[in-house]
Amino acid sequence: MSPKAIDKKRKHDHHHKHHHDESSSEPITKKIRTDSHHHKHHHKHHKHDKESENHTDSKLKTDSDKLTDISKEDTDKFFKENDVSIENPQKENLNPFLTMASLKNSGLDRRIEKVLEQFEKPTPIQAASWPYLFKANDVIGVAETGSGKTLGFGVPAVDHVIKFGSRDLKVLIVSPTRELATQTYENMEELTNAVGLHCVCIYGGVPKEEQRREVRRSQCVIATPGRLLDLIQEGSVDLSNVDYLILDEADRMLEKGFEEDIKSIVGQTRSDRQTLMFTATWPKEVRELASTFMNKPVKISIGDTDELTANKRIKQIVEVIEPMEKRGKLLELLEKYLSGSKKHDRILIFALYKKEAARVERDLRYHGYDVAALHGDLSQAQRTEALENFKSGRCNLMLATDVAARGLDIPNVKVVINLTFPLTAEDYVHRIGRTGRAGHSGIAHTLFTKEEKHLAGALMNVLRAADQPVPEDLLKFGSYTKKKTHSAYGAFYKDVDMSKKGKKIMFN
């Protein structure tokens, strides 16, 4: 069989591959298609197949193992230096795209290439995932936030729409927060504008009418689960032609309790879709979600994802202080980190609760600081304006609660200050990950009090794993851990072994 024929068959197979029933937790198996089965499937998606026929012959995707002419030595060096591991059930080993030029051989549209010219080279998650995505594989990307994953899934997504053209909605990106959805939209809009396509961002807290209008002309939707389901249920959004689905920050969505919403949304999309999942951590819940929605996914991990680890380029400083000292200490730190040549550096300050954030915001303004605030008491318009002011550099101080802890793409944040330690060590790692991005170094300065002593052990583990010093004052709390709690029952939860039978007690 000629290479062209092999390619044609591969793409044909992809567009007729079957996922198992969404509600089933059984392992995924690829069914052997009979002629009658194929006819039935063809009938079901006649409209899509007709579109595909117009494009498949002329614009076939090339074999990715021919896309890059790089040596085994360069490949090995890339995997080792970036701590990349790939698990592929189909046992294919595709060369990473180590240069932007690698994309040219994939038949990428010249207009997308032009957008990518602003970047020197692909980030590790892009380099490792693109070969598999261009071969239409399902992909799980496990990488820290700020690793370039938006372009990682965005470039193949837009390429997919161009090659298998459609006026309908084809690409769906589901995000946990409106901040992340908006940021993803900005990146995607640059790509879709370049090729004459439309995308729309759908999230709650704003009127629906403009979103309803925009979605009718869009091929790509970026959405938060709640508002998306609202629009689906009222009939304003139709996902029946979506065959390229991305779940972004899947772990965060599960934390926020969106599991049932995700299942409902995925159930509306095509069964033969290509599915991507990006996540910063790889807990059991995310694994289960992946096994339910994905077909033999290639799992690409950047860094050690089995353990919760912080980026080693971030210098972590932890100071144990009395709660009453926080206000004075914060002003002291700002003076230190904004002195001399550093006066225009961006600093991100995290508070725990919105009331605390509002109080600190007033306090900082009183002391002459121009601060952008991002917390739950603000309207969407105020939050958008604050984020824009901070990103543009009009304002170099941002005060945020954990609603902003993940997914914000803010370049060159030099320092993260944890005014109050978050509720979990996981949130701490995500918070400090706002600095030290894209190869830069950064500083995370944390104020720790006795009120958080139950988290001291977990914090010490994070510090040690990233080769950071553990202060003497933190060691005095030992590895005290809080009583195990349950998401619904709190500290009253009792961890009972349900496999044991109860004792029978007889009363005379």
Protein backbone atom coordinates (compact mmCIF):
# COMPACT_ATOMS: atom_id res chain seq x y z
CA MET A 1 0.00 0.00 0.00
CA SER A 2 1.43 3.42 -0.95
CA PRO A 3 2.12 6.04 1.79
CA LYS A 4 -0.72 8.16 0.41
CA ALA A 5 -3.14 5.24 0.57
CA ILE A 6 -2.03 4.44 4.13
CA ASP A 7 -2.61 8.06 5.11
CA LYS A 8 -6.02 8.07 3.48
CA LYS A 9 -7.01 4.91 5.34
CA ARG A 10 -5.75 6.34 8.65
CA LYS A 11 -7.78 9.50 8.32
CA HIS A 12 -10.81 7.51 7.16
CA ASP A 13 -10.49 5.24 10.19
CA HIS A 14 -10.21 8.20 12.53
CA HIS A 15 -13.37 9.81 11.25
CA HIS A 16 -15.29 6.61 11.80
CA LYS A 17 -13.72 5.48 15.06
CA HIS A 18 -16.13 4.62 17.85
CA HIS A 19 -15.95 5.43 21.49
CA HIS A 20 -17.65 3.17 23.98
CA ASP A 21 -20.97 4.21 25.46
CA GLU A 22 -20.43 7.42 27.51
CA SER A 23 -22.21 6.03 30.54
CA SER A 24 -20.18 2.86 30.67
CA SER A 25 -17.06 2.45 32.78
CA GLU A 26 -15.94 -0.58 30.76
CA PRO A 27 -12.53 -0.41 29.07
CA ILE A 28 -12.57 1.06 25.59
CA THR A 29 -12.26 -1.40 22.73
CA LYS A 30 -12.05 -0.67 19.04
CA LYS A 31 -14.85 -2.55 17.32
CA ILE A 32 -14.34 -4.26 13.95
CA ARG A 33 -16.61 -2.57 11.46
CA THR A 34 -18.82 -4.64 9.20
CA ASP A 35 -20.28 -3.24 5.98
CA SER A 36 -23.72 -2.89 7.55
CA HIS A 37 -22.29 -1.12 10.58
CA HIS A 38 -20.40 1.26 8.34
CA HIS A 39 -23.54 2.01 6.34
CA LYS A 40 -25.47 2.76 9.51
CA HIS A 41 -22.76 5.10 10.76
CA HIS A 42 -22.49 6.81 7.40
CA HIS A 43 -26.21 7.45 7.37
CA LYS A 44 -26.10 8.90 10.88
CA HIS A 45 -23.41 11.45 10.04
CA HIS A 46 -24.14 11.92 6.36
CA LYS A 47 -23.72 15.68 6.51
CA HIS A 48 -20.29 15.46 8.12
CA ASP A 49 -19.07 12.72 5.79
CA LYS A 50 -20.06 14.79 2.79
CA GLU A 51 -17.94 17.65 4.07
CA SER A 52 -15.04 15.31 4.83
CA GLU A 53 -15.08 13.87 1.29
CA ASN A 54 -14.46 17.33 -0.12
CA HIS A 55 -11.28 17.67 1.93
CA THR A 56 -9.84 14.27 2.65
CA ASP A 57 -8.43 13.57 -0.83
CA SER A 58 -6.73 16.92 -1.25
CA LYS A 59 -5.56 17.69 2.27
CA LEU A 60 -4.40 14.53 3.95
CA LYS A 61 -2.37 14.74 7.12
CA THR A 62 1.15 13.44 6.70
CA ASP A 63 2.71 10.64 8.71
CA SER A 64 4.18 12.35 11.76
CA ASP A 65 7.23 10.09 11.83
CA LYS A 66 8.24 11.76 8.55
CA LEU A 67 7.46 15.25 9.78
CA THR A 68 10.70 15.88 11.61
CA ASP A 69 14.17 15.10 10.43
CA ILE A 70 15.86 15.07 13.83
CA SER A 71 18.44 12.75 15.29
CA LYS A 72 17.76 10.22 18.03
CA GLU A 73 20.32 12.10 20.12
CA ASP A 74 18.31 15.36 19.88
CA THR A 75 15.08 13.51 20.69
CA ASP A 76 16.61 11.78 23.75
CA LYS A 77 18.05 15.09 24.93
CA PHE A 78 14.62 16.78 24.60
CA PHE A 79 12.86 14.04 26.60
CA LYS A 80 15.51 14.08 29.33
CA GLU A 81 15.92 17.86 29.70
CA ASN A 82 12.16 18.48 29.86
CA ASP A 83 11.30 15.39 31.91
CA VAL A 84 8.84 14.25 29.22
CA SER A 85 7.21 10.85 29.41
CA ILE A 86 4.77 9.42 26.86
CA GLU A 87 2.44 6.47 27.34
CA ASN A 88 0.91 5.33 24.06
CA PRO A 89 -1.33 2.24 24.02
CA GLN A 90 -0.73 1.97 20.27
CA LYS A 91 3.05 1.74 20.85
CA GLU A 92 3.89 4.42 18.28
CA ASN A 93 6.98 6.53 18.98
CA LEU A 94 6.63 9.80 17.10
CA ASN A 95 9.41 12.35 16.96
CA PRO A 96 8.64 15.59 18.81
CA PHE A 97 8.36 18.85 16.85
CA LEU A 98 11.51 20.56 18.15
CA THR A 99 11.21 23.54 15.79
CA MET A 100 8.32 25.54 14.39
CA ALA A 101 9.56 24.51 10.93
CA SER A 102 8.47 20.93 11.76
CA LEU A 103 4.86 22.11 11.41
CA LYS A 104 5.34 23.05 7.76
CA ASN A 105 5.67 19.39 6.84
CA SER A 106 2.33 18.62 8.47
CA GLY A 107 0.49 20.58 5.78
CA LEU A 108 -0.32 23.36 8.24
CA ASP A 109 -2.10 26.36 6.71
CA ARG A 110 0.38 29.13 5.87
CA ARG A 111 -1.78 31.69 7.72
CA ILE A 112 -1.40 29.71 10.99
CA GLU A 113 2.34 29.41 10.36
CA LYS A 114 2.48 33.20 10.16
CA VAL A 115 0.85 33.55 13.62
CA LEU A 116 3.43 31.12 15.03
CA GLU A 117 6.38 33.08 13.64
CA GLN A 118 6.35 35.21 16.81
CA PHE A 119 7.49 32.15 18.82
CA GLU A 120 11.07 30.93 18.74
CA LYS A 121 10.26 27.23 19.21
CA PRO A 122 7.48 24.98 20.55
CA THR A 123 7.17 24.54 24.33
CA PRO A 124 7.70 20.96 25.61
CA ILE A 125 3.96 20.14 25.75
CA GLN A 126 3.49 21.49 22.20
CA ALA A 127 6.55 19.68 20.83
CA ALA A 128 5.50 16.34 22.34
CA SER A 129 1.74 16.52 21.66
CA TRP A 130 1.55 18.02 18.16
CA PRO A 131 2.77 14.88 16.30
CA TYR A 132 0.01 12.81 17.96
CA LEU A 133 -2.66 15.49 17.58
CA PHE A 134 -1.96 15.90 13.87
CA LYS A 135 -2.43 12.13 13.54
CA ALA A 136 -5.89 12.53 15.12
CA ASN A 137 -5.09 10.72 18.39
CA ASP A 138 -6.90 11.40 21.64
CA VAL A 139 -4.34 13.04 23.94
CA ILE A 140 -4.03 13.62 27.69
CA GLY A 141 -1.54 16.39 28.49
CA VAL A 142 -0.33 16.56 32.08
CA ALA A 143 1.66 19.79 32.48
CA GLU A 144 1.89 22.79 34.78
CA THR A 145 -0.17 25.86 33.96
CA GLY A 146 1.72 28.33 31.76
CA SER A 147 3.26 25.59 29.64
CA GLY A 148 1.80 26.72 26.30
CA LYS A 149 -1.06 24.25 26.20
CA THR A 150 -3.55 26.72 24.64
CA LEU A 151 -1.59 26.79 21.38
CA GLY A 152 -0.82 23.11 21.98
CA PHE A 153 -4.48 22.22 21.42
CA GLY A 154 -5.46 25.37 19.50
CA VAL A 155 -3.22 24.96 16.44
CA PRO A 156 -4.39 21.39 15.62
CA ALA A 157 -8.00 22.44 16.40
CA VAL A 158 -8.05 25.28 13.88
CA ASP A 159 -6.10 23.15 11.39
CA HIS A 160 -8.78 20.45 11.79
CA VAL A 161 -11.62 22.89 10.96
CA ILE A 162 -9.77 24.15 7.87
CA LYS A 163 -8.96 20.69 6.55
CA PHE A 164 -12.43 19.21 7.18
CA GLY A 165 -14.24 22.52 6.67
CA SER A 166 -17.52 23.37 8.29
CA ARG A 167 -19.82 26.32 8.83
CA ASP A 168 -21.11 24.53 11.95
CA LEU A 169 -19.68 24.42 15.44
CA LYS A 170 -16.80 21.89 15.31
CA VAL A 171 -14.44 22.70 18.21
CA LEU A 172 -15.45 22.92 21.87
CA ILE A 173 -13.08 23.91 24.68
CA VAL A 174 -14.47 23.54 28.21
CA SER A 175 -12.77 25.60 30.96
CA PRO A 176 -13.35 25.70 34.74
CA THR A 177 -13.40 29.51 35.21
CA ARG A 178 -14.42 32.53 33.18
CA GLU A 179 -10.91 33.99 33.61
CA LEU A 180 -9.32 30.94 32.00
CA ALA A 181 -12.04 30.78 29.32
CA THR A 182 -11.43 34.45 28.43
CA GLN A 183 -7.68 33.99 28.26
CA THR A 184 -8.05 30.90 26.05
CA TYR A 185 -10.47 32.83 23.83
CA GLU A 186 -7.91 35.61 23.30
CA ASN A 187 -5.31 33.07 22.13
CA MET A 188 -7.77 31.16 19.96
CA GLU A 189 -9.19 34.36 18.44
CA GLU A 190 -5.76 35.23 17.06
CA LEU A 191 -5.70 31.88 15.23
CA THR A 192 -9.32 31.92 14.01
CA ASN A 193 -9.09 35.55 12.83
CA ALA A 194 -5.97 34.69 10.84
CA VAL A 195 -7.84 32.02 8.84
CA GLY A 196 -11.26 33.67 8.52
CA LEU A 197 -13.08 31.54 11.13
CA HIS A 198 -15.04 32.67 14.19
CA CYS A 199 -14.84 31.72 17.85
CA VAL A 200 -16.91 32.78 20.85
CA CYS A 201 -16.44 32.74 24.62
CA ILE A 202 -19.40 31.63 26.73
CA TYR A 203 -19.49 32.19 30.51
CA GLY A 204 -21.93 33.22 33.22
CA GLY A 205 -22.36 36.56 34.98
CA VAL A 206 -23.10 38.52 31.78
CA PRO A 207 -26.20 38.78 29.53
CA LYS A 208 -26.76 35.82 27.18
CA GLU A 209 -27.98 37.63 24.06
CA GLU A 210 -24.59 38.48 22.52
CA GLN A 211 -23.33 34.95 23.26
CA ARG A 212 -26.42 33.48 21.54
CA ARG A 213 -25.81 35.67 18.50
CA GLU A 214 -22.06 34.96 18.25
CA VAL A 215 -22.37 31.20 18.67
CA ARG A 216 -24.55 30.98 15.55
CA ARG A 217 -21.62 32.06 13.35
CA SER A 218 -18.79 30.35 15.25
CA GLN A 219 -16.87 27.18 14.46
CA CYS A 220 -15.14 27.21 17.85
CA VAL A 221 -16.62 27.71 21.34
CA ILE A 222 -14.72 28.24 24.58
CA ALA A 223 -17.12 27.82 27.51
CA THR A 224 -17.55 27.32 31.23
CA PRO A 225 -19.82 24.33 31.98
CA GLY A 226 -22.71 26.12 33.72
CA ARG A 227 -23.48 28.74 31.07
CA LEU A 228 -22.87 26.26 28.24
CA LEU A 229 -25.49 23.86 29.65
CA ASP A 230 -27.91 26.79 30.06
CA LEU A 231 -27.60 27.63 26.37
CA ILE A 232 -27.81 23.96 25.31
CA GLN A 233 -30.98 23.43 27.35
CA GLU A 234 -32.71 26.50 25.88
CA GLY A 235 -31.73 25.36 22.36
CA SER A 236 -29.27 28.16 21.58
CA VAL A 237 -26.23 25.86 21.26
CA ASP A 238 -26.05 22.63 19.25
CA LEU A 239 -23.03 20.38 19.85
CA SER A 240 -24.08 17.60 17.50
CA ASN A 241 -21.33 18.44 14.97
CA VAL A 242 -18.54 18.92 17.54
CA ASP A 243 -15.82 16.41 16.69
CA TYR A 244 -12.86 18.12 18.38
CA LEU A 245 -13.31 18.43 22.16
CA ILE A 246 -10.89 19.83 24.74
CA LEU A 247 -11.33 19.62 28.51
CA ASP A 248 -8.91 22.21 29.88
CA GLU A 249 -7.72 21.99 33.49
CA ALA A 250 -9.85 18.91 34.00
CA ASP A 251 -8.63 18.46 37.59
CA ARG A 252 -9.82 21.96 38.44
CA MET A 253 -13.26 21.31 36.95
CA LEU A 254 -13.64 18.17 39.07
CA GLU A 255 -12.59 20.11 42.18
CA LYS A 256 -15.34 22.61 41.42
CA GLY A 257 -17.94 19.83 41.17
CA PHE A 258 -18.50 19.95 37.41
CA GLU A 259 -18.29 16.20 36.80
CA GLU A 260 -21.98 15.68 36.00
CA ASP A 261 -22.04 18.83 33.83
CA ILE A 262 -19.03 17.55 31.86
CA LYS A 263 -20.67 14.18 31.31
CA SER A 264 -23.83 15.89 30.09
CA ILE A 265 -21.86 18.17 27.72
CA VAL A 266 -19.70 15.36 26.31
CA GLY A 267 -22.83 13.30 25.67
CA GLN A 268 -24.06 16.00 23.25
CA THR A 269 -20.95 15.80 21.02
CA ARG A 270 -20.20 13.33 18.21
CA SER A 271 -19.17 9.82 19.22
CA ASP A 272 -16.33 9.82 16.67
CA ARG A 273 -14.78 13.01 18.01
CA GLN A 274 -11.12 13.58 18.81
CA THR A 275 -10.83 14.30 22.55
CA LEU A 276 -8.08 16.14 24.40
CA MET A 277 -7.70 16.58 28.13
CA PHE A 278 -5.24 18.93 29.80
CA THR A 279 -4.60 18.80 33.53
CA ALA A 280 -1.94 20.00 35.98
CA THR A 281 -2.31 16.97 38.26
CA TRP A 282 -3.27 13.33 37.66
CA PRO A 283 -5.52 12.23 40.54
CA LYS A 284 -7.81 9.17 40.49
CA GLU A 285 -10.87 11.23 39.52
CA VAL A 286 -9.17 12.58 36.39
CA ARG A 287 -8.02 9.07 35.39
CA GLU A 288 -11.60 7.81 35.69
CA LEU A 289 -12.91 10.71 33.61
CA ALA A 290 -10.30 10.04 30.91
CA SER A 291 -11.18 6.34 30.76
CA THR A 292 -14.86 7.21 30.28
CA PHE A 293 -14.53 9.81 27.52
CA MET A 294 -11.42 8.94 25.56
CA ASN A 295 -10.39 6.36 23.00
CA LYS A 296 -6.91 4.85 23.57
CA PRO A 297 -5.46 8.23 24.57
CA VAL A 298 -1.77 9.06 24.36
CA LYS A 299 -0.71 10.41 27.78
CA ILE A 300 2.02 13.03 27.65
CA SER A 301 3.47 14.19 30.97
CA ILE A 302 5.86 17.10 31.42
CA GLY A 303 7.68 16.90 34.75
CA ASP A 304 6.97 14.62 37.70
CA THR A 305 3.17 14.50 37.76
CA ASP A 306 2.74 11.63 40.21
CA GLU A 307 3.72 13.90 43.08
CA LEU A 308 2.56 17.43 43.72
CA THR A 309 5.70 19.40 42.87
CA ALA A 310 6.52 23.06 42.44
CA ASN A 311 8.62 24.43 39.63
CA LYS A 312 12.27 24.37 40.78
CA ARG A 313 12.95 27.73 39.12
CA ILE A 314 10.76 29.38 41.77
CA LYS A 315 12.65 30.53 44.85
CA GLN A 316 10.29 29.75 47.74
CA ILE A 317 10.64 31.87 50.88
CA VAL A 318 8.45 31.00 53.88
CA GLU A 319 8.24 33.29 56.92
CA VAL A 320 6.41 32.21 60.06
CA ILE A 321 4.83 35.28 61.68
CA GLU A 322 2.03 36.26 64.06
CA PRO A 323 -1.33 36.97 62.35
CA MET A 324 -1.31 40.60 63.58
CA GLU A 325 2.04 41.24 61.84
CA LYS A 326 0.72 40.58 58.33
CA ARG A 327 -0.29 44.14 57.42
CA GLY A 328 3.10 45.64 58.28
CA LYS A 329 4.97 42.73 56.74
CA LEU A 330 3.14 43.09 53.40
CA LEU A 331 4.10 46.78 53.12
CA GLU A 332 7.68 45.85 54.00
CA LEU A 333 7.77 43.17 51.25
CA LEU A 334 6.32 45.51 48.62
CA GLU A 335 8.96 48.11 49.44
CA LYS A 336 11.65 45.42 49.11
CA TYR A 337 10.41 43.86 45.85
CA LEU A 338 9.59 47.19 44.15
CA SER A 339 12.79 49.05 45.02
CA GLY A 340 15.15 50.67 42.51
CA SER A 341 15.26 48.97 39.11
CA LYS A 342 12.45 46.61 40.22
CA LYS A 343 9.83 49.35 40.63
CA HIS A 344 7.90 48.22 37.51
CA ASP A 345 8.01 44.47 38.28
CA ARG A 346 4.62 42.75 38.44
CA ILE A 347 3.64 41.33 41.83
CA LEU A 348 0.68 39.06 42.52
CA ILE A 349 -0.65 39.00 46.11
CA PHE A 350 -2.96 36.21 47.24
CA ALA A 351 -5.51 36.57 50.03
CA LEU A 352 -7.73 33.68 51.11
CA TYR A 353 -11.19 35.25 51.33
CA LYS A 354 -12.85 38.09 49.44
CA LYS A 355 -13.46 40.11 52.64
CA GLU A 356 -9.77 39.94 53.45
CA ALA A 357 -8.94 40.91 49.83
CA ALA A 358 -11.27 43.93 49.95
CA ARG A 359 -9.72 45.11 53.25
CA VAL A 360 -6.14 44.71 51.98
CA GLU A 361 -7.07 46.47 48.73
CA ARG A 362 -8.30 49.51 50.68
CA ASP A 363 -5.19 49.42 52.85
CA LEU A 364 -2.81 49.33 49.89
CA ARG A 365 -4.61 52.18 48.11
CA TYR A 366 -4.39 54.21 51.35
CA HIS A 367 -0.61 53.68 51.27
CA GLY A 368 -0.41 54.97 47.71
CA TYR A 369 -0.30 51.70 45.75
CA ASP A 370 -2.28 51.34 42.52
CA VAL A 371 -3.67 47.82 42.82
CA ALA A 372 -5.80 45.71 40.50
CA ALA A 373 -8.17 43.44 42.41
CA LEU A 374 -9.64 40.12 41.36
CA HIS A 375 -12.12 38.57 43.80
CA GLY A 376 -15.72 37.42 44.10
CA ASP A 377 -17.25 40.74 45.21
CA LEU A 378 -16.46 42.36 41.88
CA SER A 379 -18.59 42.34 38.74
CA GLN A 380 -17.34 40.57 35.63
CA ALA A 381 -16.61 43.96 34.00
CA GLN A 382 -14.51 45.04 37.00
CA ARG A 383 -12.59 41.74 37.00
CA THR A 384 -11.93 41.96 33.25
CA GLU A 385 -10.71 45.56 33.60
CA ALA A 386 -8.46 44.67 36.56
CA LEU A 387 -6.90 41.76 34.67
CA GLU A 388 -6.38 43.92 31.58
CA ASN A 389 -4.72 46.67 33.63
CA PHE A 390 -2.36 44.15 35.20
CA LYS A 391 -1.52 42.33 31.94
CA SER A 392 -0.84 45.58 30.08
CA GLY A 393 1.42 46.90 32.87
CA ARG A 394 -0.76 49.94 33.61
CA CYS A 395 -0.92 48.52 37.12
CA ASN A 396 1.89 46.31 38.46
CA LEU A 397 0.20 45.04 41.64
CA MET A 398 -2.62 42.52 41.61
CA LEU A 399 -4.51 41.28 44.64
CA ALA A 400 -6.42 38.03 44.10
CA THR A 401 -8.27 35.27 45.87
CA ASP A 402 -8.01 31.63 44.79
CA VAL A 403 -10.61 32.18 42.05
CA ALA A 404 -7.58 33.49 40.14
CA ALA A 405 -5.07 30.93 41.38
CA ARG A 406 -5.01 28.93 38.18
CA GLY A 407 -5.26 29.49 34.48
CA LEU A 408 -4.31 33.16 34.33
CA ASP A 409 -1.73 33.77 31.65
CA ILE A 410 0.11 36.76 33.08
CA PRO A 411 3.62 37.09 31.64
CA ASN A 412 6.66 38.01 33.72
CA VAL A 413 5.17 38.01 37.20
CA LYS A 414 8.35 38.32 39.24
CA VAL A 415 6.92 37.72 42.71
CA VAL A 416 3.94 35.92 44.21
CA ILE A 417 3.16 36.90 47.80
CA ASN A 418 0.93 34.57 49.82
CA LEU A 419 -0.55 36.94 52.37
CA THR A 420 -2.64 34.09 53.75
CA PHE A 421 -1.80 30.46 53.07
CA PRO A 422 -4.48 28.69 50.97
CA LEU A 423 -6.70 25.82 52.13
CA THR A 424 -4.54 23.08 50.59
CA ALA A 425 -0.93 22.48 49.53
CA GLU A 426 -2.26 21.85 46.00
CA ASP A 427 -3.64 25.41 45.87
CA TYR A 428 -0.28 26.68 47.17
CA VAL A 429 1.54 24.99 44.26
CA HIS A 430 -0.96 26.40 41.76
CA ARG A 431 -0.70 29.88 43.26
CA ILE A 432 3.08 30.08 43.15
CA GLY A 433 3.01 28.67 39.61
CA ARG A 434 2.01 32.17 38.44
CA THR A 435 5.72 32.99 38.53
CA GLY A 436 8.68 31.13 37.03
CA ARG A 437 6.76 30.55 33.79
CA ALA A 438 8.07 29.86 30.29
CA GLY A 439 11.65 29.32 31.45
CA HIS A 440 11.88 32.42 33.68
CA SER A 441 12.80 32.36 37.37
CA GLY A 442 10.57 33.83 40.07
CA ILE A 443 10.07 34.32 43.79
CA ALA A 444 7.22 33.07 45.97
CA HIS A 445 7.13 34.72 49.41
CA THR A 446 4.72 33.12 51.86
CA LEU A 447 3.53 34.41 55.24
CA PHE A 448 2.66 31.41 57.41
CA THR A 449 0.94 31.56 60.83
CA LYS A 450 0.05 29.09 63.56
CA GLU A 451 -3.51 29.13 62.19
CA GLU A 452 -2.26 27.06 59.23
CA LYS A 453 -0.08 24.67 61.29
CA HIS A 454 -2.08 21.64 60.09
CA LEU A 455 -0.67 22.37 56.61
CA ALA A 456 2.96 22.69 57.74
CA GLY A 457 3.82 19.07 56.92
CA ALA A 458 2.42 19.32 53.39
CA LEU A 459 4.23 22.64 52.81
CA MET A 460 7.52 21.14 54.00
CA ASN A 461 7.09 18.27 51.54
CA VAL A 462 6.59 20.75 48.66
CA LEU A 463 9.66 22.76 49.73
CA ARG A 464 11.88 19.67 49.99
CA ALA A 465 10.67 18.25 46.66
CA ALA A 466 11.69 21.50 44.95
CA ASP A 467 15.08 21.63 46.78
CA GLN A 468 14.04 24.72 48.77
CA PRO A 469 15.12 25.48 52.35
CA VAL A 470 12.68 24.64 55.16
CA PRO A 471 12.80 27.41 57.81
CA GLU A 472 13.42 26.44 61.44
CA ASP A 473 10.20 28.18 62.51
CA LEU A 474 8.19 25.89 60.22
CA LEU A 475 9.88 22.75 61.55
CA LYS A 476 8.59 23.53 65.06
CA PHE A 477 5.05 22.72 63.88
CA GLY A 478 6.31 19.22 63.06
CA SER A 479 4.26 17.24 60.58
CA TYR A 480 1.01 17.82 62.45
CA THR A 481 -1.88 16.90 60.18
CA LYS A 482 -5.50 17.86 60.45
CA LYS A 483 -8.11 15.21 61.11
CA LYS A 484 -9.25 13.58 57.88
CA THR A 485 -12.32 15.28 56.49
CA HIS A 486 -14.95 14.38 53.94
CA SER A 487 -16.15 16.72 51.20
CA ALA A 488 -19.75 16.53 52.45
CA TYR A 489 -19.41 15.62 56.14
CA GLY A 490 -16.31 17.64 57.13
CA ALA A 491 -14.48 16.56 60.31
CA PHE A 492 -17.47 14.47 61.44
CA TYR A 493 -16.70 11.97 58.68
CA LYS A 494 -15.65 8.54 59.90
CA ASP A 495 -13.57 6.45 57.51
CA VAL A 496 -15.35 3.09 57.78
CA ASP A 497 -14.30 -0.15 56.09
CA MET A 498 -17.55 -1.03 54.32
CA SER A 499 -16.30 -4.52 53.41
CA LYS A 500 -16.47 -5.70 57.03
CA LYS A 501 -19.69 -7.13 58.39
CA GLY A 502 -21.24 -5.62 61.48
CA LYS A 503 -21.25 -7.58 64.73
CA LYS A 504 -24.55 -9.10 65.77
CA ILE A 505 -25.56 -8.04 69.28
CA MET A 506 -28.28 -9.98 71.10
CA PHE A 507 -30.42 -8.41 73.82
CA ASN A 508 -32.17 -10.71 76.27
